[in-house]
N, C-alpha and C. Protein backbone atom coordinates (compact mmCIF):
# COMPACT_ATOMS: atom_id res chain seq x y z
N MET A 1 1.87 -0.71 23.17
CA MET A 1 1.99 0.30 22.12
C MET A 1 0.82 1.28 22.21
N LYS A 2 1.10 2.51 21.93
CA LYS A 2 0.05 3.52 21.89
C LYS A 2 -0.67 3.46 20.56
N ASN A 3 -1.82 4.11 20.52
CA ASN A 3 -2.61 4.12 19.29
C ASN A 3 -1.86 4.73 18.12
N LYS A 4 -1.11 5.80 18.39
CA LYS A 4 -0.37 6.45 17.31
C LYS A 4 0.70 5.53 16.74
N GLU A 5 1.35 4.76 17.59
CA GLU A 5 2.37 3.83 17.11
C GLU A 5 1.76 2.72 16.27
N ILE A 6 0.57 2.27 16.65
CA ILE A 6 -0.12 1.24 15.88
C ILE A 6 -0.52 1.78 14.52
N VAL A 7 -1.03 3.01 14.47
CA VAL A 7 -1.41 3.62 13.20
C VAL A 7 -0.19 3.77 12.30
N LYS A 8 0.93 4.19 12.87
CA LYS A 8 2.16 4.35 12.07
C LYS A 8 2.61 2.99 11.53
N PHE A 9 2.55 1.95 12.36
CA PHE A 9 2.95 0.61 11.92
C PHE A 9 2.06 0.12 10.79
N ILE A 10 0.75 0.30 10.93
CA ILE A 10 -0.19 -0.13 9.89
C ILE A 10 0.05 0.65 8.61
N ALA A 11 0.29 1.96 8.72
CA ALA A 11 0.53 2.78 7.54
C ALA A 11 1.77 2.32 6.79
N GLU A 12 2.85 2.07 7.51
CA GLU A 12 4.08 1.62 6.86
C GLU A 12 3.90 0.23 6.25
N THR A 13 3.17 -0.63 6.92
CA THR A 13 2.92 -1.98 6.40
C THR A 13 2.10 -1.92 5.12
N LEU A 14 1.05 -1.10 5.11
CA LEU A 14 0.21 -0.99 3.91
C LEU A 14 0.99 -0.42 2.73
N ARG A 15 1.84 0.56 3.00
CA ARG A 15 2.65 1.10 1.90
C ARG A 15 3.59 0.04 1.35
N ASN A 16 4.19 -0.74 2.22
CA ASN A 16 5.10 -1.80 1.75
C ASN A 16 4.35 -2.87 0.96
N ILE A 17 3.17 -3.25 1.43
CA ILE A 17 2.36 -4.23 0.70
C ILE A 17 1.96 -3.67 -0.65
N GLY A 18 1.58 -2.39 -0.68
CA GLY A 18 1.20 -1.76 -1.95
C GLY A 18 2.34 -1.73 -2.95
N VAL A 19 3.52 -1.41 -2.48
CA VAL A 19 4.69 -1.42 -3.37
C VAL A 19 4.95 -2.84 -3.87
N GLY A 20 4.76 -3.82 -3.02
CA GLY A 20 4.92 -5.21 -3.43
C GLY A 20 3.93 -5.60 -4.52
N PHE A 21 2.68 -5.16 -4.38
CA PHE A 21 1.67 -5.43 -5.40
C PHE A 21 2.03 -4.79 -6.73
N VAL A 22 2.49 -3.55 -6.69
CA VAL A 22 2.84 -2.85 -7.93
C VAL A 22 4.04 -3.53 -8.60
N ILE A 23 5.04 -3.90 -7.82
CA ILE A 23 6.21 -4.59 -8.39
C ILE A 23 5.81 -5.95 -8.96
N ALA A 24 4.96 -6.68 -8.24
CA ALA A 24 4.47 -7.97 -8.74
C ALA A 24 3.70 -7.78 -10.04
N ASN A 25 2.92 -6.71 -10.11
CA ASN A 25 2.16 -6.41 -11.32
C ASN A 25 3.09 -6.21 -12.50
N VAL A 26 4.14 -5.42 -12.32
CA VAL A 26 5.07 -5.14 -13.41
C VAL A 26 5.80 -6.40 -13.85
N VAL A 27 6.26 -7.19 -12.89
CA VAL A 27 6.98 -8.42 -13.22
C VAL A 27 6.09 -9.40 -13.97
N LEU A 28 4.88 -9.61 -13.47
CA LEU A 28 3.97 -10.55 -14.13
C LEU A 28 3.52 -10.04 -15.49
N PHE A 29 3.32 -8.72 -15.61
CA PHE A 29 2.89 -8.17 -16.90
C PHE A 29 4.00 -8.29 -17.94
N LEU A 30 5.24 -8.03 -17.53
CA LEU A 30 6.35 -8.13 -18.47
C LEU A 30 6.63 -9.57 -18.87
N SER A 31 6.36 -10.50 -17.98
CA SER A 31 6.60 -11.90 -18.32
C SER A 31 5.38 -12.53 -19.01
N THR A 32 4.35 -11.75 -19.23
CA THR A 32 3.10 -12.16 -19.90
C THR A 32 2.49 -13.41 -19.26
N GLN A 33 2.60 -13.53 -17.96
CA GLN A 33 1.99 -14.66 -17.25
C GLN A 33 0.67 -14.28 -16.59
N ILE A 34 0.12 -13.11 -16.94
CA ILE A 34 -1.08 -12.63 -16.27
C ILE A 34 -1.99 -11.98 -17.31
N LYS A 35 -3.30 -12.13 -17.13
CA LYS A 35 -4.26 -11.49 -18.03
C LYS A 35 -4.27 -10.00 -17.77
N THR A 36 -4.69 -9.25 -18.76
CA THR A 36 -4.68 -7.79 -18.65
C THR A 36 -5.58 -7.30 -17.53
N ILE A 37 -6.77 -7.88 -17.40
CA ILE A 37 -7.70 -7.42 -16.36
C ILE A 37 -7.14 -7.70 -14.97
N ASN A 38 -6.46 -8.81 -14.81
CA ASN A 38 -5.84 -9.11 -13.51
C ASN A 38 -4.68 -8.17 -13.23
N SER A 39 -3.96 -7.79 -14.27
CA SER A 39 -2.86 -6.85 -14.11
C SER A 39 -3.38 -5.49 -13.66
N ILE A 40 -4.47 -5.06 -14.26
CA ILE A 40 -5.07 -3.77 -13.88
C ILE A 40 -5.55 -3.83 -12.43
N PHE A 41 -6.20 -4.93 -12.07
CA PHE A 41 -6.70 -5.10 -10.70
C PHE A 41 -5.55 -5.08 -9.69
N LEU A 42 -4.48 -5.78 -10.00
CA LEU A 42 -3.33 -5.84 -9.10
C LEU A 42 -2.68 -4.47 -8.95
N PHE A 43 -2.59 -3.73 -10.05
CA PHE A 43 -2.02 -2.38 -10.00
C PHE A 43 -2.90 -1.46 -9.14
N LEU A 44 -4.22 -1.52 -9.35
CA LEU A 44 -5.12 -0.67 -8.57
C LEU A 44 -5.11 -1.04 -7.09
N LEU A 45 -5.00 -2.32 -6.80
CA LEU A 45 -4.91 -2.76 -5.41
C LEU A 45 -3.64 -2.24 -4.75
N GLY A 46 -2.53 -2.30 -5.47
CA GLY A 46 -1.28 -1.76 -4.94
C GLY A 46 -1.35 -0.26 -4.74
N THR A 47 -1.93 0.44 -5.70
CA THR A 47 -2.06 1.89 -5.60
C THR A 47 -2.95 2.27 -4.41
N TYR A 48 -4.04 1.53 -4.24
CA TYR A 48 -4.94 1.80 -3.11
C TYR A 48 -4.21 1.60 -1.78
N ASN A 49 -3.45 0.53 -1.66
CA ASN A 49 -2.71 0.28 -0.42
C ASN A 49 -1.70 1.37 -0.14
N ILE A 50 -1.01 1.82 -1.16
CA ILE A 50 -0.03 2.90 -0.98
C ILE A 50 -0.72 4.18 -0.53
N LEU A 51 -1.81 4.55 -1.20
CA LEU A 51 -2.52 5.79 -0.86
C LEU A 51 -3.14 5.72 0.53
N PHE A 52 -3.71 4.58 0.89
CA PHE A 52 -4.31 4.44 2.21
C PHE A 52 -3.22 4.47 3.29
N GLY A 53 -2.07 3.89 3.00
CA GLY A 53 -0.95 3.95 3.93
C GLY A 53 -0.47 5.37 4.14
N ILE A 54 -0.40 6.15 3.06
CA ILE A 54 0.00 7.56 3.18
C ILE A 54 -1.04 8.34 3.98
N TYR A 55 -2.32 8.05 3.73
CA TYR A 55 -3.39 8.71 4.48
C TYR A 55 -3.27 8.43 5.98
N LEU A 56 -3.03 7.17 6.33
CA LEU A 56 -2.87 6.83 7.75
C LEU A 56 -1.64 7.50 8.34
N PHE A 57 -0.57 7.61 7.56
CA PHE A 57 0.63 8.26 8.06
C PHE A 57 0.38 9.75 8.29
N VAL A 58 -0.41 10.38 7.42
CA VAL A 58 -0.76 11.79 7.62
C VAL A 58 -1.58 11.93 8.89
N LEU A 59 -2.50 11.01 9.12
CA LEU A 59 -3.26 11.04 10.38
C LEU A 59 -2.33 10.89 11.57
N TYR A 60 -1.32 10.04 11.43
CA TYR A 60 -0.35 9.84 12.51
C TYR A 60 0.41 11.13 12.80
N VAL A 61 0.86 11.81 11.75
CA VAL A 61 1.65 13.02 11.93
C VAL A 61 0.80 14.15 12.50
N LYS A 62 -0.44 14.29 12.03
CA LYS A 62 -1.29 15.38 12.48
C LYS A 62 -2.08 15.02 13.72
N GLY A 63 -1.87 13.83 14.26
CA GLY A 63 -2.68 13.35 15.38
C GLY A 63 -2.49 14.08 16.69
N GLY A 64 -1.42 14.78 16.85
CA GLY A 64 -1.17 15.48 18.10
C GLY A 64 -0.63 14.55 19.17
N ASN A 65 -0.67 15.01 20.39
CA ASN A 65 -0.15 14.23 21.52
C ASN A 65 -1.24 13.39 22.14
N GLU A 66 -0.85 12.23 22.63
CA GLU A 66 -1.79 11.38 23.37
C GLU A 66 -1.22 11.08 24.73
């Protein structure tokens, strides 16, 4: 695999993990099985993963030819 393909794979994986964290946060918060501070942490972790995945994807798109 080329470097660009690896970056694209990591970006897509991080976005999927981030979405999983956010969905887990909502489910656990609605079922009241999680403390508020843990819910906030899980939401921020998911948001960070999504944003970092988007950032890596932008680097992939603007990376040019290799």
